[in-house]
Protein backbone atom coordinates (compact mmCIF):
# COMPACT_ATOMS: atom_id res chain seq x y z
CA MET A 1 29.87 21.76 20.37
CA THR A 2 28.10 23.60 17.54
CA ARG A 3 24.44 23.02 16.68
CA LEU A 4 23.51 21.48 13.36
CA ASN A 5 22.42 24.17 10.85
CA ARG A 6 22.58 24.98 7.14
CA SER A 7 25.44 27.44 7.28
CA SER A 8 27.74 24.99 9.08
CA HIS A 9 26.87 22.18 6.66
CA GLN A 10 26.64 24.25 3.48
CA ALA A 11 23.13 22.95 2.81
CA PRO A 12 21.18 25.11 0.33
CA THR A 13 17.36 25.01 0.27
CA PRO A 14 15.93 23.97 -3.12
CA PRO A 15 12.46 25.13 -4.29
CA GLU A 16 9.56 23.75 -2.23
CA ARG A 17 8.05 20.92 -4.29
CA VAL A 18 6.64 18.64 -1.58
CA LEU A 19 4.09 19.15 1.18
CA GLN A 20 4.25 16.60 3.97
CA PHE A 21 1.66 15.97 6.67
CA GLY A 22 3.47 14.49 9.67
CA THR A 23 6.85 14.81 11.39
CA GLY A 24 7.20 11.19 12.53
CA VAL A 25 10.41 9.21 12.38
CA LEU A 26 9.20 6.93 9.58
CA LEU A 27 8.69 9.90 7.26
CA ARG A 28 12.01 11.43 8.25
CA GLY A 29 13.83 8.11 7.99
CA LEU A 30 12.43 7.00 4.62
CA PRO A 31 10.71 9.46 2.19
CA ASP A 32 12.59 12.54 3.45
CA TYR A 33 15.86 10.63 3.52
CA LEU A 34 15.32 9.38 -0.05
CA ILE A 35 14.38 12.84 -1.35
CA HIS A 36 17.54 14.21 0.26
CA GLN A 37 19.57 11.55 -1.57
CA ALA A 38 17.91 12.52 -4.86
CA ASN A 39 18.77 16.18 -4.27
CA ALA A 40 22.38 15.25 -3.51
CA GLN A 41 22.54 13.40 -6.85
CA GLY A 42 20.98 16.31 -8.76
CA LEU A 43 17.87 14.30 -9.65
CA PHE A 44 15.08 16.22 -7.93
CA ASN A 45 16.00 19.73 -6.74
CA GLY A 46 13.07 20.02 -4.35
CA SER A 47 12.52 20.59 -0.65
CA ILE A 48 9.71 19.61 1.70
CA VAL A 49 7.34 21.83 3.68
CA VAL A 50 6.25 19.80 6.69
CA VAL A 51 2.93 20.25 8.50
CA LYS A 52 2.93 19.18 12.14
CA SER A 53 -0.63 18.00 12.67
CA THR A 54 -0.56 16.82 16.27
CA GLY A 55 0.14 20.15 17.93
CA GLY A 56 3.25 21.03 19.90
CA ALA A 57 6.18 23.27 19.15
CA THR A 58 8.23 23.25 15.96
CA ASP A 59 11.21 24.93 17.65
CA GLU A 60 13.58 21.96 17.34
CA PHE A 61 13.24 22.00 13.56
CA ALA A 62 13.58 25.80 13.38
CA GLU A 63 16.70 25.80 15.54
CA GLN A 64 18.38 23.30 13.20
CA ASP A 65 17.01 24.80 9.95
CA GLY A 66 15.13 21.54 9.36
CA LEU A 67 18.35 19.50 9.31
CA TYR A 68 18.77 16.21 11.18
CA THR A 69 20.99 13.13 11.09
CA VAL A 70 19.92 9.62 10.10
CA VAL A 71 22.21 6.92 11.50
CA SER A 72 21.76 3.69 9.52
CA ARG A 73 23.10 0.67 11.38
CA GLY A 74 22.69 -3.03 10.89
CA ILE A 75 23.45 -5.79 8.41
CA HIS A 76 22.88 -5.57 4.67
CA LYS A 77 23.76 -8.32 2.19
CA GLY A 78 25.60 -10.05 5.03
CA ARG A 79 27.84 -7.07 5.78
CA PRO A 80 27.73 -4.60 8.70
CA VAL A 81 26.55 -1.07 7.86
CA ASP A 82 27.20 2.11 9.86
CA GLU A 83 26.30 5.26 7.89
CA LYS A 84 25.53 8.77 9.07
CA THR A 85 23.63 11.16 6.76
CA VAL A 86 22.68 14.79 7.42
CA VAL A 87 19.26 15.12 5.75
CA SER A 88 18.60 18.60 4.36
CA ALA A 89 15.36 17.99 2.44
CA ILE A 90 13.05 19.83 4.88
CA SER A 91 12.78 23.58 4.24
CA ARG A 92 10.50 24.45 7.18
CA VAL A 93 7.97 22.97 9.59
CA LEU A 94 4.57 24.60 10.12
CA SER A 95 2.04 23.90 12.85
CA ALA A 96 -1.44 23.09 11.55
CA LYS A 97 -2.88 24.56 14.74
CA ASP A 98 -0.90 27.81 14.80
CA ASP A 99 0.10 28.36 11.14
CA TRP A 100 -2.91 27.18 9.13
CA LYS A 101 -2.98 30.27 6.92
CA ALA A 102 0.69 29.73 6.10
CA VAL A 103 -0.10 26.10 5.22
CA LEU A 104 -2.82 27.23 2.80
CA ASP A 105 -0.41 29.76 1.31
CA VAL A 106 1.85 26.86 0.30
CA ALA A 107 -0.97 25.79 -2.05
CA LYS A 108 -0.22 28.90 -4.09
CA LYS A 109 3.32 27.81 -4.89
CA PRO A 110 3.63 26.93 -8.60
CA THR A 111 6.58 24.61 -7.88
CA LEU A 112 4.56 22.35 -5.60
CA GLN A 113 3.77 18.92 -7.09
CA ILE A 114 3.64 16.25 -4.38
CA ILE A 115 1.85 15.62 -1.08
CA ILE A 116 3.07 12.92 1.34
CA SER A 117 1.49 11.84 4.60
CA ASN A 118 1.80 9.51 7.52
CA THR A 119 -0.85 10.37 10.07
CA THR A 120 -1.08 6.75 11.39
CA GLU A 121 -3.76 4.32 10.26
CA VAL A 122 -6.36 6.20 12.31
CA GLY A 123 -5.61 9.35 10.30
CA ILE A 124 -7.35 8.13 7.14
CA GLN A 125 -10.87 8.31 8.51
CA TYR A 126 -13.92 10.27 7.35
CA VAL A 127 -15.03 13.06 9.66
CA GLU A 128 -18.10 15.09 8.75
CA GLU A 129 -16.81 18.63 9.21
CA SER A 130 -16.39 22.01 7.58
CA ILE A 131 -13.08 22.43 5.77
CA PHE A 132 -13.28 26.17 6.41
CA GLN A 133 -12.24 25.73 10.04
CA SER A 134 -8.76 26.87 10.99
CA PRO A 135 -7.69 24.11 10.74
CA PRO A 136 -10.08 21.25 9.92
CA GLN A 137 -9.96 18.45 12.48
CA SER A 138 -9.10 15.43 10.32
CA TYR A 139 -6.22 14.84 7.92
CA PRO A 140 -8.60 14.28 4.95
CA GLY A 141 -10.31 17.55 5.93
CA LYS A 142 -7.00 19.41 5.95
CA LEU A 143 -6.00 17.84 2.64
CA THR A 144 -9.32 18.75 1.00
CA ALA A 145 -9.01 22.34 2.22
CA PHE A 146 -5.47 22.54 0.83
CA LEU A 147 -6.44 21.11 -2.56
CA TYR A 148 -9.45 23.44 -2.79
CA GLU A 149 -7.18 26.40 -2.06
CA ARG A 150 -4.84 25.30 -4.86
CA PHE A 151 -7.77 24.78 -7.25
CA LYS A 152 -9.06 28.31 -6.58
CA ASN A 153 -5.68 29.98 -6.81
CA PHE A 154 -4.78 28.45 -10.19
CA GLY A 155 -8.27 28.51 -11.67
CA GLY A 156 -8.50 24.74 -11.92
CA SER A 157 -5.42 24.49 -14.16
CA ARG A 158 -4.66 20.93 -15.24
CA ASN A 159 -0.96 21.76 -14.98
CA LYS A 160 -1.27 22.49 -11.27
CA GLY A 161 -2.63 19.12 -10.24
CA MET A 162 -0.91 17.09 -7.54
CA VAL A 163 0.37 13.62 -6.80
CA VAL A 164 -0.79 12.50 -3.34
CA ILE A 165 1.12 9.62 -1.71
CA PRO A 166 -0.12 8.45 1.69
CA THR A 167 2.28 6.11 3.48
CA GLU A 168 -0.10 4.97 6.22
CA LEU A 169 0.13 1.21 6.66
CA ILE A 170 -3.25 0.21 5.28
CA THR A 171 -4.02 -1.62 2.05
CA ASP A 172 -5.01 0.65 -0.86
CA ASN A 173 -4.22 3.74 1.22
CA GLY A 174 -4.32 6.04 -1.81
CA LEU A 175 -7.71 4.83 -3.04
CA LYS A 176 -9.20 5.03 0.45
CA LEU A 177 -7.89 8.56 0.97
CA ARG A 178 -9.25 9.65 -2.41
CA ASP A 179 -12.71 8.30 -1.58
CA ILE A 180 -12.74 10.16 1.74
CA VAL A 181 -11.54 13.43 0.17
CA GLU A 182 -14.32 13.19 -2.43
CA LYS A 183 -16.84 12.60 0.37
CA VAL A 184 -15.50 15.61 2.31
CA ALA A 185 -15.70 17.75 -0.84
CA LYS A 186 -19.32 16.75 -1.47
CA HIS A 187 -20.27 17.42 2.14
CA ASN A 188 -18.77 20.91 1.86
CA GLU A 189 -20.46 21.51 -1.53
CA LEU A 190 -17.23 22.55 -3.24
CA GLY A 191 -18.78 22.40 -6.68
CA ARG A 192 -18.75 20.37 -9.87
CA LEU A 193 -15.63 21.98 -11.33
CA PHE A 194 -13.56 21.22 -8.25
CA MET A 195 -14.81 17.64 -8.25
CA LYS A 196 -13.77 17.34 -11.90
CA TRP A 197 -10.31 18.80 -11.21
CA LEU A 198 -9.94 16.44 -8.25
CA LYS A 199 -10.86 13.45 -10.38
CA TYR A 200 -8.67 14.16 -13.40
CA HIS A 201 -5.73 16.21 -12.13
CA VAL A 202 -5.04 14.98 -8.60
CA ARG A 203 -3.51 11.50 -8.59
CA PHE A 204 -3.83 9.49 -5.37
CA CYS A 205 -1.21 6.71 -5.31
CA ASN A 206 -1.31 3.59 -3.20
CA SER A 207 2.07 3.11 -1.58
CA LEU A 208 3.96 0.75 0.69
CA VAL A 209 6.79 1.78 3.00
CA ASP A 210 9.17 -0.65 4.64
CA ARG A 211 11.96 0.43 6.93
CA ILE A 212 12.41 -0.01 10.66
CA VAL A 213 13.09 3.44 12.13
CA PRO A 214 13.33 3.17 15.93
CA GLY A 215 13.88 6.93 16.18
CA LYS A 216 15.95 8.62 18.86
CA PRO A 217 18.49 6.30 20.49
CA ASP A 218 18.93 5.90 24.24
CA ALA A 219 20.75 8.69 26.05
CA ALA A 220 24.14 6.94 26.19
CA THR A 221 24.12 6.03 22.50
CA HIS A 222 22.95 9.54 21.60
CA GLU A 223 25.82 11.15 23.47
CA GLN A 224 28.34 8.77 21.91
CA LEU A 225 27.02 9.56 18.41
CA LEU A 226 27.21 13.32 19.02
CA GLU A 227 30.85 12.94 20.08
CA GLU A 228 31.55 11.10 16.82
CA LEU A 229 29.65 13.67 14.74
CA GLY A 230 31.09 16.75 16.43
CA TYR A 231 27.82 18.71 16.57
CA GLN A 232 24.57 18.87 18.55
CA ASP A 233 21.50 17.29 16.97
CA ARG A 234 18.29 17.00 18.96
CA LEU A 235 16.51 15.43 15.97
CA LEU A 236 18.98 12.59 15.31
CA ILE A 237 17.27 9.26 14.55
CA MET A 238 18.33 5.65 14.06
CA ALA A 239 17.24 3.44 11.14
CA GLU A 240 18.05 0.04 9.70
CA PRO A 241 19.93 -0.08 6.37
CA TYR A 242 17.09 -1.77 4.47
CA ARG A 243 14.55 0.52 2.81
CA LEU A 244 11.69 0.21 0.34
CA TRP A 245 9.13 2.70 -0.93
CA ALA A 246 6.77 1.16 -3.50
CA ILE A 247 4.40 3.61 -5.21
CA GLU A 248 1.55 2.69 -7.52
CA GLY A 249 1.66 4.94 -10.56
CA ASP A 250 1.96 5.30 -14.33
CA ASP A 251 4.33 7.25 -16.59
CA ARG A 252 2.73 10.56 -15.58
CA VAL A 253 3.46 9.84 -11.93
CA ARG A 254 6.95 8.65 -12.79
CA SER A 255 7.67 11.88 -14.66
CA MET A 256 6.80 13.94 -11.56
CA LEU A 257 8.55 11.73 -9.01
CA THR A 258 12.03 12.12 -10.43
CA PHE A 259 13.48 11.43 -6.99
CA ALA A 260 12.72 7.74 -7.66
CA LYS A 261 15.78 7.54 -9.90
CA ALA A 262 18.08 8.11 -6.93
CA ASP A 263 17.56 4.75 -5.25
CA GLU A 264 16.75 1.29 -6.61
CA ASN A 265 14.60 0.77 -3.51
CA ILE A 266 12.04 3.32 -4.74
CA ILE A 267 9.67 1.36 -6.93
CA ILE A 268 7.06 2.99 -9.19
CA ASP A 269 4.76 0.40 -10.75
CA GLU A 270 1.19 0.31 -11.98
CA ASP A 271 0.50 -2.53 -9.53
CA ILE A 272 2.39 -2.91 -6.24
CA THR A 273 0.45 -5.99 -5.09
CA PHE A 274 3.60 -8.12 -5.32
CA TYR A 275 5.58 -5.89 -2.96
CA ARG A 276 2.71 -5.80 -0.46
CA GLU A 277 2.18 -9.56 -0.61
CA ARG A 278 5.90 -10.25 -0.35
CA LYS A 279 6.22 -8.15 2.78
CA LEU A 280 3.05 -9.58 4.35
CA ARG A 281 4.02 -13.22 3.82
CA VAL A 282 7.80 -13.18 4.25
CA LEU A 283 8.55 -10.39 6.74
CA ASN A 284 5.31 -10.16 8.71
CA GLY A 285 4.45 -13.84 8.34
CA GLY A 286 7.98 -14.83 9.29
CA HIS A 287 7.56 -12.83 12.49
CA SER A 288 4.13 -14.22 13.36
CA ILE A 289 4.97 -17.89 12.89
CA SER A 290 8.30 -17.68 14.77
CA VAL A 291 7.80 -15.27 17.63
CA PRO A 292 5.55 -17.37 19.95
CA LEU A 293 8.03 -20.23 19.76
CA ALA A 294 10.98 -17.94 20.51
CA TYR A 295 9.18 -16.20 23.37
CA LEU A 296 8.17 -19.51 24.98
CA LEU A 297 11.85 -20.46 24.76
CA GLY A 298 12.60 -17.50 27.05
CA LEU A 299 14.04 -15.11 24.45
CA GLU A 300 13.16 -11.41 24.46
CA THR A 301 14.11 -9.81 21.13
CA VAL A 302 14.21 -10.71 17.45
CA SER A 303 17.99 -10.31 17.50
CA GLU A 304 18.25 -12.81 20.38
CA MET A 305 16.01 -15.18 18.44
CA MET A 306 18.46 -15.10 15.54
CA GLN A 307 21.42 -15.73 17.85
CA HIS A 308 19.87 -18.93 19.25
CA PRO A 309 21.14 -21.86 17.12
CA LEU A 310 17.87 -23.80 16.97
CA MET A 311 15.59 -20.79 16.56
CA SER A 312 17.84 -19.22 13.93
CA ARG A 313 17.73 -22.42 11.89
CA TYR A 314 13.97 -22.66 12.37
CA VAL A 315 13.40 -19.08 11.16
CA GLU A 316 15.67 -19.47 8.15
CA GLU A 317 14.05 -22.73 7.06
CA VAL A 318 10.43 -21.76 7.68
CA ILE A 319 10.96 -18.63 5.58
CA THR A 320 13.06 -20.05 2.75
CA GLN A 321 11.52 -23.53 2.49
CA GLU A 322 7.87 -23.00 3.42
CA ILE A 323 6.93 -19.34 2.96
CA VAL A 324 8.97 -18.23 -0.07
CA PRO A 325 7.86 -21.11 -2.37
CA THR A 326 4.18 -20.26 -1.84
CA LEU A 327 4.09 -16.78 -3.36
CA PRO A 328 2.11 -17.12 -6.62
CA GLU A 329 4.39 -17.17 -9.65
CA TRP A 330 2.15 -14.73 -11.55
CA MET A 331 3.01 -12.05 -8.98
CA ILE A 332 6.77 -12.31 -9.31
CA PRO A 333 8.32 -9.79 -11.75
CA GLU A 334 9.49 -11.50 -14.92
CA GLU A 335 12.60 -9.33 -15.01
CA ASN A 336 13.67 -10.62 -11.57
CA PRO A 337 12.50 -14.18 -10.84
CA GLU A 338 14.68 -14.22 -7.70
CA ALA A 339 12.94 -11.18 -6.17
CA VAL A 340 11.29 -13.18 -3.37
CA ARG A 341 14.42 -15.08 -2.39
CA GLU A 342 16.46 -11.87 -2.42
CA PHE A 343 13.87 -10.23 -0.18
CA ALA A 344 13.96 -13.25 2.16
CA ALA A 345 17.74 -12.86 2.48
CA ASP A 346 17.25 -9.18 3.32
CA VAL A 347 14.60 -10.10 5.91
CA LEU A 348 16.96 -12.52 7.63
CA ASP A 349 19.64 -9.81 7.73
CA ARG A 350 17.10 -7.43 9.25
CA PHE A 351 16.08 -9.97 11.88
CA ARG A 352 19.77 -10.35 12.83
CA ASN A 353 20.32 -6.61 13.26
CA PRO A 354 21.85 -6.24 16.77
CA THR A 355 21.29 -2.46 16.90
CA ILE A 356 17.48 -2.66 16.88
CA GLU A 357 15.71 -3.89 20.00
CA HIS A 358 12.54 -5.41 18.54
CA LEU A 359 10.71 -7.03 21.45
CA LEU A 360 9.08 -10.38 20.74
CA LEU A 361 6.23 -9.62 23.12
CA SER A 362 5.39 -6.47 21.14
CA ILE A 363 5.02 -8.54 17.97
CA THR A 364 2.49 -10.84 19.68
CA LEU A 365 -0.10 -8.05 19.89
CA GLN A 366 -3.31 -9.44 18.26
CA GLU A 367 -1.42 -12.60 17.31
CA THR A 368 -4.60 -14.43 16.26
CA SER A 369 -5.54 -11.81 13.68
CA LYS A 370 -1.96 -11.74 12.44
CA MET A 371 -1.86 -15.53 12.16
CA ARG A 372 -5.08 -15.51 10.16
CA ALA A 373 -4.03 -12.71 7.79
CA ARG A 374 -0.34 -13.49 7.38
CA ASN A 375 0.11 -17.24 7.74
CA LEU A 376 -3.09 -19.14 6.95
CA PRO A 377 -2.98 -18.34 3.21
CA THR A 378 0.64 -19.56 3.20
CA ILE A 379 -0.28 -22.83 4.94
CA GLN A 380 -3.12 -23.40 2.46
CA ARG A 381 -1.01 -22.52 -0.58
CA TYR A 382 1.76 -24.84 0.57
CA ALA A 383 -0.70 -27.73 1.03
CA GLU A 384 -2.21 -27.15 -2.41
CA LYS A 385 1.14 -26.82 -4.17
CA PHE A 386 3.04 -29.67 -2.51
CA GLU A 387 0.12 -31.90 -1.42
CA GLN A 388 1.41 -31.99 2.14
CA PHE A 389 1.27 -29.64 5.11
CA PRO A 390 4.21 -27.33 5.99
CA GLN A 391 5.89 -29.11 8.93
CA ARG A 392 7.72 -26.13 10.43
CA MET A 393 4.65 -23.92 10.25
CA ALA A 394 2.72 -26.67 12.07
CA LEU A 395 5.22 -26.34 14.93
CA GLY A 396 4.90 -22.54 14.87
CA PHE A 397 1.11 -22.86 14.99
CA ALA A 398 1.35 -25.23 17.97
CA ALA A 399 3.57 -22.71 19.78
CA TYR A 400 1.01 -20.00 19.06
CA LEU A 401 -1.72 -22.14 20.67
CA LEU A 402 0.47 -22.63 23.75
CA PHE A 403 1.27 -18.92 23.89
CA MET A 404 -2.50 -18.27 24.01
CA LYS A 405 -2.85 -20.49 27.12
CA ALA A 406 -3.81 -18.03 29.86
CA VAL A 407 -3.39 -19.27 33.43
CA ARG A 408 -5.32 -16.42 35.02
CA THR A 409 -7.44 -13.39 34.24
CA GLU A 410 -7.44 -10.11 36.16
CA GLU A 411 -9.89 -7.28 35.49
CA GLY A 412 -10.44 -8.44 31.92
CA ALA A 413 -6.71 -8.95 31.22
CA PHE A 414 -5.33 -12.41 30.46
CA TRP A 415 -1.94 -13.68 31.59
CA GLY A 416 0.19 -16.62 30.51
CA GLU A 417 3.29 -18.07 32.16
CA ILE A 418 6.62 -19.39 30.95
CA SER A 419 9.69 -20.78 32.68
CA ALA A 420 12.50 -18.31 32.06
CA LYS A 421 15.65 -17.09 33.78
CA GLY A 422 15.38 -19.66 36.53
CA GLY A 423 11.81 -18.79 37.48
CA ILE A 424 8.25 -18.32 36.32
CA LEU A 425 7.54 -15.25 34.18
CA SER A 426 4.03 -13.89 33.61
CA TYR A 427 3.21 -12.24 30.29
CA PRO A 428 0.13 -10.43 28.99
CA ILE A 429 -1.93 -11.98 26.20
CA ARG A 430 -3.11 -8.92 24.29
CA ASP A 431 -5.48 -10.51 21.84
CA ASP A 432 -9.17 -10.01 21.12
CA HIS A 433 -9.57 -13.81 21.18
CA ALA A 434 -7.87 -14.33 24.55
CA ASP A 435 -11.17 -15.16 26.30
CA TYR A 436 -12.02 -17.73 23.60
CA PHE A 437 -8.76 -19.60 24.18
CA TYR A 438 -8.91 -19.19 27.95
CA LYS A 439 -12.23 -21.05 28.05
CA LEU A 440 -11.07 -23.77 25.66
CA TRP A 441 -7.85 -24.39 27.58
CA GLN A 442 -9.86 -24.87 30.79
CA GLN A 443 -11.18 -28.11 29.29
CA VAL A 444 -7.77 -29.52 28.33
CA ASP A 445 -5.83 -32.12 30.30
CA VAL A 446 -2.31 -31.17 29.25
CA HIS A 447 -1.00 -34.64 30.19
CA ASP A 448 -3.54 -36.42 27.99
CA ALA A 449 -2.60 -36.52 24.29
CA ALA A 450 -6.21 -37.23 23.30
CA SER A 451 -7.45 -34.17 25.19
CA VAL A 452 -4.82 -32.00 23.50
CA ARG A 453 -5.76 -33.47 20.11
CA ASN A 454 -9.46 -32.67 20.68
CA PHE A 455 -8.53 -29.09 21.60
CA VAL A 456 -6.47 -28.68 18.41
CA GLN A 457 -9.25 -30.22 16.32
CA THR A 458 -11.80 -27.77 17.79
CA VAL A 459 -9.58 -24.76 17.07
CA CYS A 460 -8.59 -25.84 13.56
CA ALA A 461 -12.20 -26.57 12.56
CA ASP A 462 -13.50 -23.21 13.82
CA THR A 463 -14.50 -21.44 10.60
CA MET A 464 -15.74 -18.41 12.55
CA LEU A 465 -12.21 -17.91 13.85
CA TRP A 466 -10.24 -18.64 10.68
CA GLU A 467 -12.77 -18.07 7.88
CA THR A 468 -11.71 -21.52 6.66
CA ASP A 469 -11.50 -25.08 8.01
CA LEU A 470 -7.87 -25.89 8.81
CA SER A 471 -8.82 -29.42 9.82
CA GLN A 472 -9.34 -30.17 6.13
CA ILE A 473 -5.59 -29.86 5.45
CA ALA A 474 -4.49 -33.48 5.56
CA GLY A 475 -2.17 -34.20 8.47
CA PHE A 476 -1.93 -30.60 9.68
CA GLY A 477 -4.12 -30.95 12.79
CA ASP A 478 -2.44 -34.19 13.87
CA ALA A 479 1.02 -32.64 13.50
CA VAL A 480 -0.01 -29.54 15.45
CA ALA A 481 -1.45 -31.74 18.22
CA GLU A 482 1.74 -33.81 18.45
CA HIS A 483 3.92 -30.68 18.57
CA LEU A 484 1.67 -29.13 21.22
CA SER A 485 1.80 -32.26 23.40
CA ASN A 486 5.59 -32.24 23.14
CA LEU A 487 5.80 -28.54 23.99
CA LEU A 488 3.65 -29.17 27.07
CA THR A 489 5.48 -32.27 28.31
CA LEU A 490 9.04 -31.99 27.01
CA GLY A 491 9.50 -28.22 26.82
CA VAL A 492 10.29 -25.91 23.94
CA GLU A 493 13.98 -26.59 23.42
CA ALA A 494 13.57 -30.37 23.56
CA THR A 495 10.68 -30.13 21.09
CA LEU A 496 12.80 -28.08 18.71
CA GLU A 497 15.59 -30.65 18.93
CA ARG A 498 13.34 -33.70 18.69
CA GLN A 499 10.61 -32.62 16.31
CA TRP A 500 12.03 -29.89 14.12
CA VAL A 501 15.60 -30.95 13.53
CA THR A 502 14.37 -34.28 12.20
CA ALA A 503 11.58 -32.68 10.10
């Protein structure tokens, strides 16, 4: 079986127009994939120089001439999708550790216009260091060194500015990266003219990426795919069909990012708050409010959750009837008033995807913080808009409280228990507030409805925990307490049948 390479796939290498920090599967499965599609449609004509920042060999990329296959599988618009795309957007991969001079030489390319990164959330941090190391330690240090090299080489030309698009999953990632780069530049005393060029001719864009890219499949699936493809590919990755890349920018940014014309899922807008809020409330919030209930029911993955009749109905209704209606109308694009409902339909398709093993227990990491950030604003907005509490979210909140019920602690770790698969299953409670709930639960008589109600009242009224008083939402605390008592005495499935179906 032949190895994937440019000669066998007749893949030319366009001029290098993009520098990318990071080789992770999200970058390869979303921005690189989309740039490849733009090249294939004749809309961009640019390739990507990739910088591997974490060390390690770049041989796999060199052996395949930067080519790799993206297998998109799942459900989109209610229909199954199975697509295989050979991505040819990467021209070469350089090691920051071993090839730093070559990385700086890329700054001298007149065709270069764009810098992309995904160095994880930890990557966008200020480190007080010299940028004249080979290489600098931090990503902002490397970026500052690269931009300074470009500034020097082109004499501060306004026409050789850059568009910088971080894709790290933090709010206002572009603005935060810009502030750190300016701080690094000042620490290294790079001069007034460079600071001026940086301010006026380097555009840092906030961006939001949304696509589940699990990466390399298991060995059996990988072998089966290679048989279907007819070539070897050590870099093959899996991805869901859904994709979104929202970039905050104006007409100048739009004129440089011509690849955006290739896919309706690349959004360039002067304000991407709507797309961020939509994802946080519908996708992330839909996860956070549903997952504890599904896990306590004995399910293991999101796909299994959507195959269970009661849980599937719960997820669909909590998203479409309680979360979607609460997004502020001023956020929704006038040209597409159905944008939130369309996104909700996509989210439900994504949750049903049988090819992605998204573990429920993984989603429960720091569940309290997620509940506060993703769901509390929704609960409050719903109460204000409809003058009643959201009934399904009250059940989800009760399940969250039960999920946080640790039965033992070992060496600082907290463990809960559920009845599943004919026995008792222990699970870790990985939450910074696990000790808080452990101590509160010690005082609860689970067979006494009044004791459970007092527990719920204490939690809901804790403004230190929630930064608001949930007990002030009329009826919410009482409903949560009733659901929690039923979960404790009747069990999860009976509570779903008795309390939710009649809601």
